[in-house]
C-alpha atoms as a PDB file:
ATOM      1  CA  MET A   1      -3.724 -26.518 -12.428  1.00  0.00           C
ATOM      2  CA  ARG A   2      -4.830 -24.383 -15.375  1.00  0.00           C
ATOM      3  CA  GLN A   3      -7.052 -26.171 -17.909  1.00  0.00           C
ATOM      4  CA  PHE A   4      -6.811 -25.134 -21.567  1.00  0.00           C
ATOM      5  CA  PRO A   5      -9.665 -25.706 -24.050  1.00  0.00           C
ATOM      6  CA  ASP A   6      -9.384 -28.941 -26.023  1.00  0.00           C
ATOM      7  CA  GLY A   7      -8.806 -27.110 -29.315  1.00  0.00           C
ATOM      8  CA  LEU A   8      -5.914 -25.032 -27.943  1.00  0.00           C
ATOM      9  CA  THR A   9      -4.433 -28.055 -26.156  1.00  0.00           C
ATOM     10  CA  ALA A  10      -4.432 -30.073 -29.374  1.00  0.00           C
ATOM     11  CA  HIS A  11      -2.789 -27.185 -31.224  1.00  0.00           C
ATOM     12  CA  LEU A  12      -0.041 -26.825 -28.583  1.00  0.00           C
ATOM     13  CA  ASP A  13       0.721 -30.527 -28.934  1.00  0.00           C
ATOM     14  CA  GLN A  14       1.732 -30.002 -32.555  1.00  0.00           C
ATOM     15  CA  THR A  15       5.337 -29.529 -33.657  1.00  0.00           C
ATOM     16  CA  ALA A  16       4.662 -26.047 -35.039  1.00  0.00           C
ATOM     17  CA  THR A  17       2.222 -23.625 -33.407  1.00  0.00           C
ATOM     18  CA  THR A  18       0.637 -20.312 -34.348  1.00  0.00           C
ATOM     19  CA  VAL A  19      -0.018 -18.686 -30.997  1.00  0.00           C
ATOM     20  CA  CYS A  20       0.389 -15.135 -29.717  1.00  0.00           C
ATOM     21  CA  HIS A  21      -0.580 -13.077 -26.708  1.00  0.00           C
ATOM     22  CA  ALA A  22      -3.459 -10.637 -26.368  1.00  0.00           C
ATOM     23  CA  TRP A  23      -4.537  -8.285 -23.594  1.00  0.00           C
ATOM     24  CA  ARG A  24      -7.950  -6.955 -22.658  1.00  0.00           C
ATOM     25  CA  LEU A  25      -7.977  -3.761 -20.609  1.00  0.00           C
ATOM     26  CA  THR A  26     -11.075  -2.637 -18.700  1.00  0.00           C
ATOM     27  CA  ARG A  27     -10.921   0.861 -17.210  1.00  0.00           C
ATOM     28  CA  THR A  28     -12.731   1.798 -14.028  1.00  0.00           C
ATOM     29  CA  ASP A  29     -15.174   3.888 -16.100  1.00  0.00           C
ATOM     30  CA  GLY A  30     -16.197   0.797 -18.098  1.00  0.00           C
ATOM     31  CA  VAL A  31     -14.215   1.460 -21.291  1.00  0.00           C
ATOM     32  CA  VAL A  32     -12.894  -1.845 -22.744  1.00  0.00           C
ATOM     33  CA  MET A  33      -9.884  -2.015 -25.080  1.00  0.00           C
ATOM     34  CA  GLY A  34      -8.086  -4.960 -26.671  1.00  0.00           C
ATOM     35  CA  PHE A  35      -4.458  -5.270 -27.826  1.00  0.00           C
ATOM     36  CA  THR A  36      -2.334  -8.009 -29.346  1.00  0.00           C
ATOM     37  CA  GLU A  37       1.290  -8.544 -30.307  1.00  0.00           C
ATOM     38  CA  HIS A  38       0.155 -10.230 -33.546  1.00  0.00           C
ATOM     39  CA  ASP A  39       0.479  -8.362 -36.869  1.00  0.00           C
ATOM     40  CA  ARG A  40      -3.263  -8.284 -37.565  1.00  0.00           C
ATOM     41  CA  ASP A  41      -6.405  -7.666 -35.526  1.00  0.00           C
ATOM     42  CA  LEU A  42      -8.006 -10.578 -33.688  1.00  0.00           C
ATOM     43  CA  GLU A  43     -11.570 -10.877 -32.403  1.00  0.00           C
ATOM     44  CA  PHE A  44     -12.716 -13.284 -29.696  1.00  0.00           C
ATOM     45  CA  ALA A  45     -14.430 -13.260 -26.295  1.00  0.00           C
ATOM     46  CA  GLY A  46     -16.581 -10.350 -27.443  1.00  0.00           C
ATOM     47  CA  THR A  47     -13.584  -8.018 -27.862  1.00  0.00           C
ATOM     48  CA  LEU A  48     -11.606  -6.710 -30.838  1.00  0.00           C
ATOM     49  CA  PHE A  49      -7.869  -6.966 -30.114  1.00  0.00           C
ATOM     50  CA  SER A  50      -6.020  -4.349 -32.150  1.00  0.00           C
ATOM     51  CA  ALA A  51      -2.612  -5.029 -33.701  1.00  0.00           C
ATOM     52  CA  ALA A  52      -1.789  -1.397 -34.540  1.00  0.00           C
ATOM     53  CA  THR A  53      -0.480  -0.547 -31.086  1.00  0.00           C
ATOM     54  CA  GLY A  54       3.106  -1.854 -30.962  1.00  0.00           C
ATOM     55  CA  PHE A  55       2.538  -3.716 -27.720  1.00  0.00           C
ATOM     56  CA  ARG A  56       4.994  -6.166 -26.222  1.00  0.00           C
ATOM     57  CA  ALA A  57       5.153  -7.819 -22.798  1.00  0.00           C
ATOM     58  CA  SER A  58       7.955  -8.852 -20.476  1.00  0.00           C
ATOM     59  CA  GLU A  59       8.283 -12.268 -18.872  1.00  0.00           C
ATOM     60  CA  VAL A  60       5.932 -12.904 -15.980  1.00  0.00           C
ATOM     61  CA  GLN A  61       7.215 -14.474 -12.785  1.00  0.00           C
ATOM     62  CA  SER A  62       4.581 -16.030 -10.564  1.00  0.00           C
ATOM     63  CA  GLY A  63       4.978 -17.833  -7.283  1.00  0.00           C
ATOM     64  CA  LEU A  64       2.927 -19.832  -4.849  1.00  0.00           C
ATOM     65  CA  GLY A  65       1.307 -18.198  -1.859  1.00  0.00           C
ATOM     66  CA  LEU A  66       0.191 -14.596  -1.460  1.00  0.00           C
ATOM     67  CA  GLU A  67       3.354 -12.833  -2.642  1.00  0.00           C
ATOM     68  CA  ALA A  68       2.482 -10.115  -5.176  1.00  0.00           C
ATOM     69  CA  ASP A  69       4.139 -10.682  -8.557  1.00  0.00           C
ATOM     70  CA  ALA A  70       4.539  -8.125 -11.350  1.00  0.00           C
ATOM     71  CA  ALA A  71       5.218  -7.781 -15.060  1.00  0.00           C
ATOM     72  CA  ASP A  72       5.561  -5.000 -17.635  1.00  0.00           C
ATOM     73  CA  VAL A  73       3.717  -4.116 -20.833  1.00  0.00           C
ATOM     74  CA  ALA A  74       5.300  -1.574 -23.163  1.00  0.00           C
ATOM     75  CA  GLY A  75       4.011   0.154 -26.276  1.00  0.00           C
ATOM     76  CA  ALA A  76       3.856   3.310 -28.356  1.00  0.00           C
ATOM     77  CA  PHE A  77       1.239   6.019 -28.031  1.00  0.00           C
ATOM     78  CA  SER A  78      -1.504   5.880 -30.646  1.00  0.00           C
ATOM     79  CA  ASP A  79      -4.552   8.113 -31.081  1.00  0.00           C
ATOM     80  CA  ALA A  80      -6.535   4.956 -31.876  1.00  0.00           C
ATOM     81  CA  ALA A  81      -5.405   3.213 -28.695  1.00  0.00           C
ATOM     82  CA  ILE A  82      -3.843   4.790 -25.582  1.00  0.00           C
ATOM     83  CA  SER A  83      -2.976   8.478 -25.629  1.00  0.00           C
ATOM     84  CA  ALA A  84      -0.364  10.254 -23.536  1.00  0.00           C
ATOM     85  CA  ASP A  85      -3.006  12.623 -22.162  1.00  0.00           C
ATOM     86  CA  ASP A  86      -5.222   9.795 -20.930  1.00  0.00           C
ATOM     87  CA  LEU A  87      -2.303   8.099 -19.161  1.00  0.00           C
ATOM     88  CA  ALA A  88      -1.058  11.331 -17.604  1.00  0.00           C
ATOM     89  CA  LEU A  89      -4.551  12.203 -16.356  1.00  0.00           C
ATOM     90  CA  GLY A  90      -4.904   8.866 -14.593  1.00  0.00           C
ATOM     91  CA  ARG A  91      -7.767   7.491 -16.658  1.00  0.00           C
ATOM     92  CA  TYR A  92      -6.091   4.073 -16.616  1.00  0.00           C
ATOM     93  CA  ASP A  93      -5.278   3.965 -12.906  1.00  0.00           C
ATOM     94  CA  GLY A  94      -6.488   0.725 -11.374  1.00  0.00           C
ATOM     95  CA  ALA A  95      -7.626  -0.721 -14.707  1.00  0.00           C
ATOM     96  CA  ARG A  96      -8.105  -4.495 -14.949  1.00  0.00           C
ATOM     97  CA  VAL A  97      -5.894  -6.341 -17.444  1.00  0.00           C
ATOM     98  CA  GLU A  98      -6.496  -9.874 -18.700  1.00  0.00           C
ATOM     99  CA  ALA A  99      -3.852 -11.748 -20.704  1.00  0.00           C
ATOM    100  CA  PHE A 100      -4.765 -14.433 -23.253  1.00  0.00           C
ATOM    101  CA  LEU A 101      -2.888 -17.049 -25.198  1.00  0.00           C
ATOM    102  CA  VAL A 102      -4.616 -17.381 -28.571  1.00  0.00           C
ATOM    103  CA  ASN A 103      -4.198 -19.342 -31.769  1.00  0.00           C
ATOM    104  CA  TRP A 104      -4.241 -16.525 -34.306  1.00  0.00           C
ATOM    105  CA  GLN A 105      -5.308 -18.897 -37.083  1.00  0.00           C
ATOM    106  CA  ASN A 106      -8.401 -19.828 -35.049  1.00  0.00           C
ATOM    107  CA  PRO A 107      -9.013 -17.162 -32.364  1.00  0.00           C
ATOM    108  CA  ASN A 108     -11.797 -19.222 -30.803  1.00  0.00           C
ATOM    109  CA  ASP A 109      -8.996 -21.421 -29.435  1.00  0.00           C
ATOM    110  CA  HIS A 110      -7.795 -19.191 -26.614  1.00  0.00           C
ATOM    111  CA  ALA A 111      -7.201 -19.328 -22.871  1.00  0.00           C
ATOM    112  CA  ARG A 112      -6.910 -16.639 -20.213  1.00  0.00           C
ATOM    113  CA  LEU A 113      -3.503 -16.777 -18.539  1.00  0.00           C
ATOM    114  CA  TRP A 114      -3.813 -14.245 -15.733  1.00  0.00           C
ATOM    115  CA  ILE A 115      -5.568 -11.126 -14.419  1.00  0.00           C
ATOM    116  CA  ARG A 116      -3.753  -8.075 -13.073  1.00  0.00           C
ATOM    117  CA  GLU A 117      -4.201  -4.369 -12.367  1.00  0.00           C
ATOM    118  CA  LEU A 118      -2.316  -1.432 -13.840  1.00  0.00           C
ATOM    119  CA  GLY A 119       0.292  -0.003 -11.508  1.00  0.00           C
ATOM    120  CA  GLU A 120       3.102   2.475 -12.139  1.00  0.00           C
ATOM    121  CA  VAL A 121       3.161   4.156 -15.577  1.00  0.00           C
ATOM    122  CA  ARG A 122       6.530   5.300 -16.979  1.00  0.00           C
ATOM    123  CA  MET A 123       6.598   7.577 -20.013  1.00  0.00           C
ATOM    124  CA  ALA A 124       9.558   8.444 -22.229  1.00  0.00           C
ATOM    125  CA  GLY A 125       8.926  10.446 -25.380  1.00  0.00           C
ATOM    126  CA  PRO A 126       6.436   8.682 -27.643  1.00  0.00           C
ATOM    127  CA  ALA A 127       6.486   5.427 -25.648  1.00  0.00           C
ATOM    128  CA  PHE A 128       5.303   4.132 -22.322  1.00  0.00           C
ATOM    129  CA  ALA A 129       5.757   1.169 -20.002  1.00  0.00           C
ATOM    130  CA  VAL A 130       3.132   0.045 -17.501  1.00  0.00           C
ATOM    131  CA  GLU A 131       3.634  -2.158 -14.470  1.00  0.00           C
ATOM    132  CA  LEU A 132       1.078  -4.940 -14.041  1.00  0.00           C
ATOM    133  CA  ARG A 133       0.397  -5.937 -10.436  1.00  0.00           C
ATOM    134  CA  SER A 134      -1.218  -9.187  -9.402  1.00  0.00           C
ATOM    135  CA  LEU A 135      -4.473  -9.109  -7.460  1.00  0.00           C
ATOM    136  CA  ALA A 136      -2.498 -10.190  -4.374  1.00  0.00           C
ATOM    137  CA  ALA A 137      -1.148  -6.604  -4.249  1.00  0.00           C
ATOM    138  CA  ARG A 138      -4.528  -5.571  -2.832  1.00  0.00           C
ATOM    139  CA  LEU A 139      -3.528  -7.293   0.401  1.00  0.00           C
ATOM    140  CA  ASP A 140      -0.906  -4.559   0.941  1.00  0.00           C
ATOM    141  CA  ARG A 141      -3.583  -1.864   1.169  1.00  0.00           C
ATOM    142  CA  PRO A 142      -4.662  -0.610   4.613  1.00  0.00           C
ATOM    143  CA  GLN A 143      -7.895  -2.197   5.810  1.00  0.00           C
ATOM    144  CA  GLY A 144     -10.306  -1.395   8.598  1.00  0.00           C
ATOM    145  CA  ARG A 145     -11.161   1.799  10.453  1.00  0.00           C
ATOM    146  CA  LEU A 146      -9.067   4.402  12.200  1.00  0.00           C
ATOM    147  CA  TYR A 147     -10.414   5.377  15.592  1.00  0.00           C
ATOM    148  CA  GLY A 148      -9.891   9.068  16.241  1.00  0.00           C
ATOM    149  CA  ARG A 149     -11.668  12.282  17.033  1.00  0.00           C
ATOM    150  CA  ARG A 150     -12.220  13.155  13.375  1.00  0.00           C
ATOM    151  CA  CYS A 151     -14.609  11.423  11.000  1.00  0.00           C
ATOM    152  CA  ASP A 152     -13.105   8.687   8.820  1.00  0.00           C
ATOM    153  CA  ALA A 153     -15.971   8.508   6.298  1.00  0.00           C
ATOM    154  CA  GLY A 154     -15.953  10.116   2.870  1.00  0.00           C
ATOM    155  CA  LEU A 155     -18.298  13.065   2.548  1.00  0.00           C
ATOM    156  CA  GLY A 156     -21.479  11.852   0.850  1.00  0.00           C
ATOM    157  CA  ASP A 157     -20.662   8.123   0.930  1.00  0.00           C
ATOM    158  CA  ALA A 158     -22.861   5.397   2.423  1.00  0.00           C
ATOM    159  CA  ARG A 159     -21.330   5.711   5.892  1.00  0.00           C
ATOM    160  CA  CYS A 160     -21.667   9.496   5.903  1.00  0.00           C
ATOM    161  CA  GLY A 161     -25.241   9.363   4.606  1.00  0.00           C
ATOM    162  CA  LYS A 162     -25.368  13.048   3.644  1.00  0.00           C
ATOM    163  CA  ASN A 163     -26.775  13.877   0.204  1.00  0.00           C
ATOM    164  CA  ILE A 164     -24.377  16.371  -1.367  1.00  0.00           C
ATOM    165  CA  ALA A 165     -25.555  15.972  -4.981  1.00  0.00           C
ATOM    166  CA  ALA A 166     -27.651  19.156  -4.995  1.00  0.00           C
ATOM    167  CA  PRO A 167     -27.146  22.846  -4.106  1.00  0.00           C
ATOM    168  CA  PRO A 168     -25.800  24.333  -1.963  1.00  0.00           C
ATOM    169  CA  PHE A 169     -23.328  21.474  -1.586  1.00  0.00           C
ATOM    170  CA  ARG A 170     -22.809  20.808  -5.307  1.00  0.00           C
ATOM    171  CA  LEU A 171     -22.735  23.725  -7.727  1.00  0.00           C
ATOM    172  CA  GLU A 172     -21.844  23.974 -11.400  1.00  0.00           C
ATOM    173  CA  GLY A 173     -19.863  26.793 -12.939  1.00  0.00           C
ATOM    174  CA  ALA A 174     -17.210  27.579 -15.527  1.00  0.00           C
ATOM    175  CA  LEU A 175     -13.485  28.235 -15.418  1.00  0.00           C
ATOM    176  CA  ALA A 176     -12.904  31.963 -15.555  1.00  0.00           C
ATOM    177  CA  ALA A 177      -9.120  31.716 -15.477  1.00  0.00           C
ATOM    178  CA  VAL A 178      -6.317  29.181 -15.131  1.00  0.00           C
ATOM    179  CA  SER A 179      -3.459  30.677 -13.113  1.00  0.00           C
ATOM    180  CA  GLY A 180      -1.266  27.568 -13.086  1.00  0.00           C
ATOM    181  CA  ASP A 181      -1.394  23.837 -12.577  1.00  0.00           C
ATOM    182  CA  THR A 182      -2.760  24.231  -9.021  1.00  0.00           C
ATOM    183  CA  ALA A 183      -4.749  27.500  -9.172  1.00  0.00           C
ATOM    184  CA  LEU A 184      -8.154  27.877 -10.828  1.00  0.00           C
ATOM    185  CA  THR A 185     -10.754  30.648 -10.821  1.00  0.00           C
ATOM    186  CA  VAL A 186     -14.375  29.511 -11.170  1.00  0.00           C
ATOM    187  CA  SER A 187     -17.428  31.664 -11.828  1.00  0.00           C
ATOM    188  CA  GLY A 188     -21.097  30.836 -11.354  1.00  0.00           C
ATOM    189  CA  LEU A 189     -20.858  29.279  -7.887  1.00  0.00           C
ATOM    190  CA  GLY A 190     -23.116  31.812  -6.217  1.00  0.00           C
ATOM    191  CA  ASP A 191     -22.347  33.498  -2.922  1.00  0.00           C
ATOM    192  CA  ARG A 192     -20.692  30.593  -1.115  1.00  0.00           C
ATOM    193  CA  PRO A 193     -18.365  31.972   1.591  1.00  0.00           C
ATOM    194  CA  SER A 194     -14.615  31.429   1.657  1.00  0.00           C
ATOM    195  CA  GLY A 195     -13.706  27.952   2.833  1.00  0.00           C
ATOM    196  CA  TRP A 196     -16.982  26.382   1.671  1.00  0.00           C
ATOM    197  CA  PHE A 197     -15.197  24.294  -0.970  1.00  0.00           C
ATOM    198  CA  SER A 198     -11.961  23.735   0.992  1.00  0.00           C
ATOM    199  CA  ASN A 199     -11.226  19.988   1.136  1.00  0.00           C
ATOM    200  CA  GLY A 200     -13.913  19.506  -1.495  1.00  0.00           C
ATOM    201  CA  ARG A 201     -13.727  18.120  -5.016  1.00  0.00           C
ATOM    202  CA  LEU A 202     -13.848  19.595  -8.511  1.00  0.00           C
ATOM    203  CA  ARG A 203     -14.980  17.586 -11.528  1.00  0.00           C
ATOM    204  CA  PHE A 204     -14.388  18.755 -15.103  1.00  0.00           C
ATOM    205  CA  LEU A 205     -17.537  18.367 -17.214  1.00  0.00           C
ATOM    206  CA  THR A 206     -16.203  19.521 -20.593  1.00  0.00           C
ATOM    207  CA  GLY A 207     -12.872  20.121 -22.291  1.00  0.00           C
ATOM    208  CA  LEU A 208      -9.617  18.171 -22.335  1.00  0.00           C
ATOM    209  CA  LEU A 209      -9.995  17.060 -18.704  1.00  0.00           C
ATOM    210  CA  SER A 210     -13.643  16.004 -19.017  1.00  0.00           C
ATOM    211  CA  GLY A 211     -14.455  13.322 -16.437  1.00  0.00           C
ATOM    212  CA  LEU A 212     -11.397  14.045 -14.255  1.00  0.00           C
ATOM    213  CA  THR A 213     -11.967  14.737 -10.548  1.00  0.00           C
ATOM    214  CA  VAL A 214      -9.406  16.588  -8.405  1.00  0.00           C
ATOM    215  CA  ASP A 215      -9.189  17.508  -4.709  1.00  0.00           C
ATOM    216  CA  ILE A 216      -9.371  21.117  -3.524  1.00  0.00           C
ATOM    217  CA  SER A 217      -7.079  22.284  -0.745  1.00  0.00           C
ATOM    218  CA  ALA A 218      -8.324  25.864  -0.260  1.00  0.00           C
ATOM    219  CA  HIS A 219     -11.181  28.094  -1.397  1.00  0.00           C
ATOM    220  CA  ARG A 220     -11.295  31.875  -1.322  1.00  0.00           C
ATOM    221  CA  SER A 221     -14.293  33.931  -2.481  1.00  0.00           C
ATOM    222  CA  GLU A 222     -13.427  37.243  -4.148  1.00  0.00           C
ATOM    223  CA  ALA A 223     -15.584  39.607  -6.209  1.00  0.00           C
ATOM    224  CA  GLY A 224     -18.185  37.007  -7.121  1.00  0.00           C
ATOM    225  CA  VAL A 225     -15.724  34.299  -8.201  1.00  0.00           C
ATOM    226  CA  ALA A 226     -14.188  31.368  -6.374  1.00  0.00           C
ATOM    227  CA  ARG A 227     -10.417  31.014  -6.290  1.00  0.00           C
ATOM    228  CA  LEU A 228      -9.496  27.376  -5.770  1.00  0.00           C
ATOM    229  CA  GLU A 229      -6.145  25.841  -4.873  1.00  0.00           C
ATOM    230  CA  LEU A 230      -5.593  22.156  -5.686  1.00  0.00           C
ATOM    231  CA  TRP A 231      -3.679  19.647  -3.594  1.00  0.00           C
ATOM    232  CA  THR A 232      -1.738  18.212  -6.543  1.00  0.00           C
ATOM    233  CA  PRO A 233      -0.691  19.799  -9.863  1.00  0.00           C
ATOM    234  CA  LEU A 234      -2.709  19.018 -12.979  1.00  0.00           C
ATOM    235  CA  ALA A 235      -0.895  16.885 -15.548  1.00  0.00           C
ATOM    236  CA  ARG A 236      -2.586  18.890 -18.333  1.00  0.00           C
ATOM    237  CA  LEU A 237      -4.026  22.416 -18.129  1.00  0.00           C
ATOM    238  CA  PRO A 238      -7.731  23.032 -18.833  1.00  0.00           C
ATOM    239  CA  SER A 239      -9.054  25.985 -20.820  1.00  0.00           C
ATOM    240  CA  ALA A 240     -11.070  28.989 -19.684  1.00  0.00           C
ATOM    241  CA  GLY A 241     -14.749  28.316 -20.283  1.00  0.00           C
ATOM    242  CA  ASP A 242     -14.623  24.607 -19.423  1.00  0.00           C
ATOM    243  CA  ALA A 243     -17.653  23.594 -17.367  1.00  0.00           C
ATOM    244  CA  VAL A 244     -16.983  22.218 -13.882  1.00  0.00           C
ATOM    245  CA  ALA A 245     -18.934  20.893 -10.914  1.00  0.00           C
ATOM    246  CA  VAL A 246     -17.625  21.789  -7.447  1.00  0.00           C
ATOM    247  CA  THR A 247     -18.584  19.933  -4.268  1.00  0.00           C
ATOM    248  CA  ALA A 248     -18.379  21.352  -0.760  1.00  0.00           C
ATOM    249  CA  GLY A 249     -15.629  20.101   1.500  1.00  0.00           C
ATOM    250  CA  CYS A 250     -15.447  18.851   5.062  1.00  0.00           C
ATOM    251  CA  ASP A 251     -12.543  19.064   7.500  1.00  0.00           C
ATOM    252  CA  LYS A 252     -13.818  15.889   9.256  1.00  0.00           C
ATOM    253  CA  GLY A 253     -14.452  17.809  12.469  1.00  0.00           C
ATOM    254  CA  PHE A 254     -17.575  17.305  14.603  1.00  0.00           C
ATOM    255  CA  GLU A 255     -18.388  21.022  14.665  1.00  0.00           C
ATOM    256  CA  THR A 256     -18.335  21.227  10.853  1.00  0.00           C
ATOM    257  CA  CYS A 257     -20.535  18.144  10.601  1.00  0.00           C
ATOM    258  CA  ARG A 258     -23.044  19.682  12.986  1.00  0.00           C
ATOM    259  CA  THR A 259     -23.201  23.277  11.748  1.00  0.00           C
ATOM    260  CA  ARG A 260     -22.545  22.975   8.001  1.00  0.00           C
ATOM    261  CA  PHE A 261     -24.096  19.619   7.136  1.00  0.00           C
ATOM    262  CA  HIS A 262     -26.500  19.070  10.083  1.00  0.00           C
ATOM    263  CA  ASN A 263     -25.368  15.446  10.155  1.00  0.00           C
ATOM    264  CA  SER A 264     -23.998  15.122  13.688  1.00  0.00           C
ATOM    265  CA  LEU A 265     -26.148  12.071  14.518  1.00  0.00           C
ATOM    266  CA  ASN A 266     -24.306  10.168  11.792  1.00  0.00           C
ATOM    267  CA  PHE A 267     -20.818  11.481  12.597  1.00  0.00           C
ATOM    268  CA  GLN A 268     -18.342   8.659  11.960  1.00  0.00           C
ATOM    269  CA  GLY A 269     -15.682   9.818  14.392  1.00  0.00           C
ATOM    270  CA  PHE A 270     -15.203   9.869  18.154  1.00  0.00           C
ATOM    271  CA  PRO A 271     -15.043  13.563  19.144  1.00  0.00           C
ATOM    272  CA  TYR A 272     -14.869  12.826  22.871  1.00  0.00           C
ATOM    273  CA  LEU A 273     -12.217  10.116  22.652  1.00  0.00           C
ATOM    274  CA  PRO A 274      -9.766  10.762  25.521  1.00  0.00           C
ATOM    275  CA  GLY A 275      -6.411  12.009  24.322  1.00  0.00           C
ATOM    276  CA  SER A 276      -2.884  11.403  25.539  1.00  0.00           C
ATOM    277  CA  ASP A 277      -3.270  14.140  28.165  1.00  0.00           C
ATOM    278  CA  PHE A 278      -6.028  12.090  29.782  1.00  0.00           C
ATOM    279  CA  ALA A 279      -4.092   8.819  29.508  1.00  0.00           C
ATOM    280  CA  TYR A 280      -1.049  10.348  31.196  1.00  0.00           C
ATOM    281  CA  GLY A 281      -3.066  12.290  33.754  1.00  0.00           C
ATOM    282  CA  TYR A 282      -3.224  11.580  37.474  1.00  0.00           C
ATOM    283  CA  ALA A 283      -5.290  12.716  40.415  1.00  0.00           C
ATOM    284  CA  ASP A 284      -4.166  15.867  42.172  1.00  0.00           C
ATOM    285  CA  ALA A 285      -5.605  18.455  44.495  1.00  0.00           C
ATOM    286  CA  ASP A 286      -6.288  20.977  41.721  1.00  0.00           C
ATOM    287  CA  THR A 287      -8.540  18.687  39.642  1.00  0.00           C
ATOM    288  CA  VAL A 288     -12.284  18.356  40.253  1.00  0.00           C
ATOM    289  CA  HIS A 289     -13.287  14.711  40.745  1.00  0.00           C
ATOM    290  CA  ASP A 290     -17.050  14.896  41.328  1.00  0.00           C
ATOM    291  CA  GLY A 291     -18.253  12.260  38.838  1.00  0.00           C
ATOM    292  CA  ARG A 292     -19.566  14.712  36.244  1.00  0.00           C
ATOM    293  CA  PRO A 293     -19.522  13.481  32.591  1.00  0.00           C
ATOM    294  CA  VAL A 294     -16.548  14.427  30.451  1.00  0.00           C
ATOM    295  CA  VAL A 295     -18.908  14.964  27.482  1.00  0.00           C
ATOM    296  CA  PRO A 296     -20.479  18.451  27.616  1.00  0.00           C
END
């Protein structure tokens, strides 16, 4: 059972009340923003909740058990609050949202109602609507490892153990040309051969997309520049001259781990895992059965 502070409880027991809702949004990069449906700004819990955002919330339906519930928050774009570019570029993906019930005459009388994460964002003209998912939605995400011949670790993470934060695995350059929403030309990456950055990552250091990281599908080296193809289209186009950092890629194969990254002792896959041909195989006169190891 939720317990409200004594001051807020006493206020709610009155015939007439002066309460409203407020939301605190914390992005994954640490940026904290506050919003309220009241007609003036409120400040409590160490956060300024802005009223100049046109926010409103739908009803919230919650149930017992582990079923994931959802709600909506809608509002209008504002340069002082949430911009269309930031939403389109995914800077709010996975953000934490806290909802409060607050007495706007005495903001110190407030209570947190629930915590959720931002889900689907729908945009229409100068307005947007955001789905709020309960924390129980995390239970729908795949958990555990996949056992296969290829590595299931992320290049450079704790399980991989390879340091890719320095050359030749991480290089900085500048956009020489933008050929479309999936094709970029980058200069200043040295003499890295074609394919070096395939399946790698590109991070924008300056410009409109500063801080955004995208995945690279293919890399081709031509005349001293790197031509990169992205897996997904960019929601907004960068400008020539924007600084970028490009990280080498890995195809998750054992041979690549051994020859390119010299990290075969920490390979997180099972390159000699028997396949379906072995499982369905049977002894015959043409097969050598002398007890030799199947691992070369």
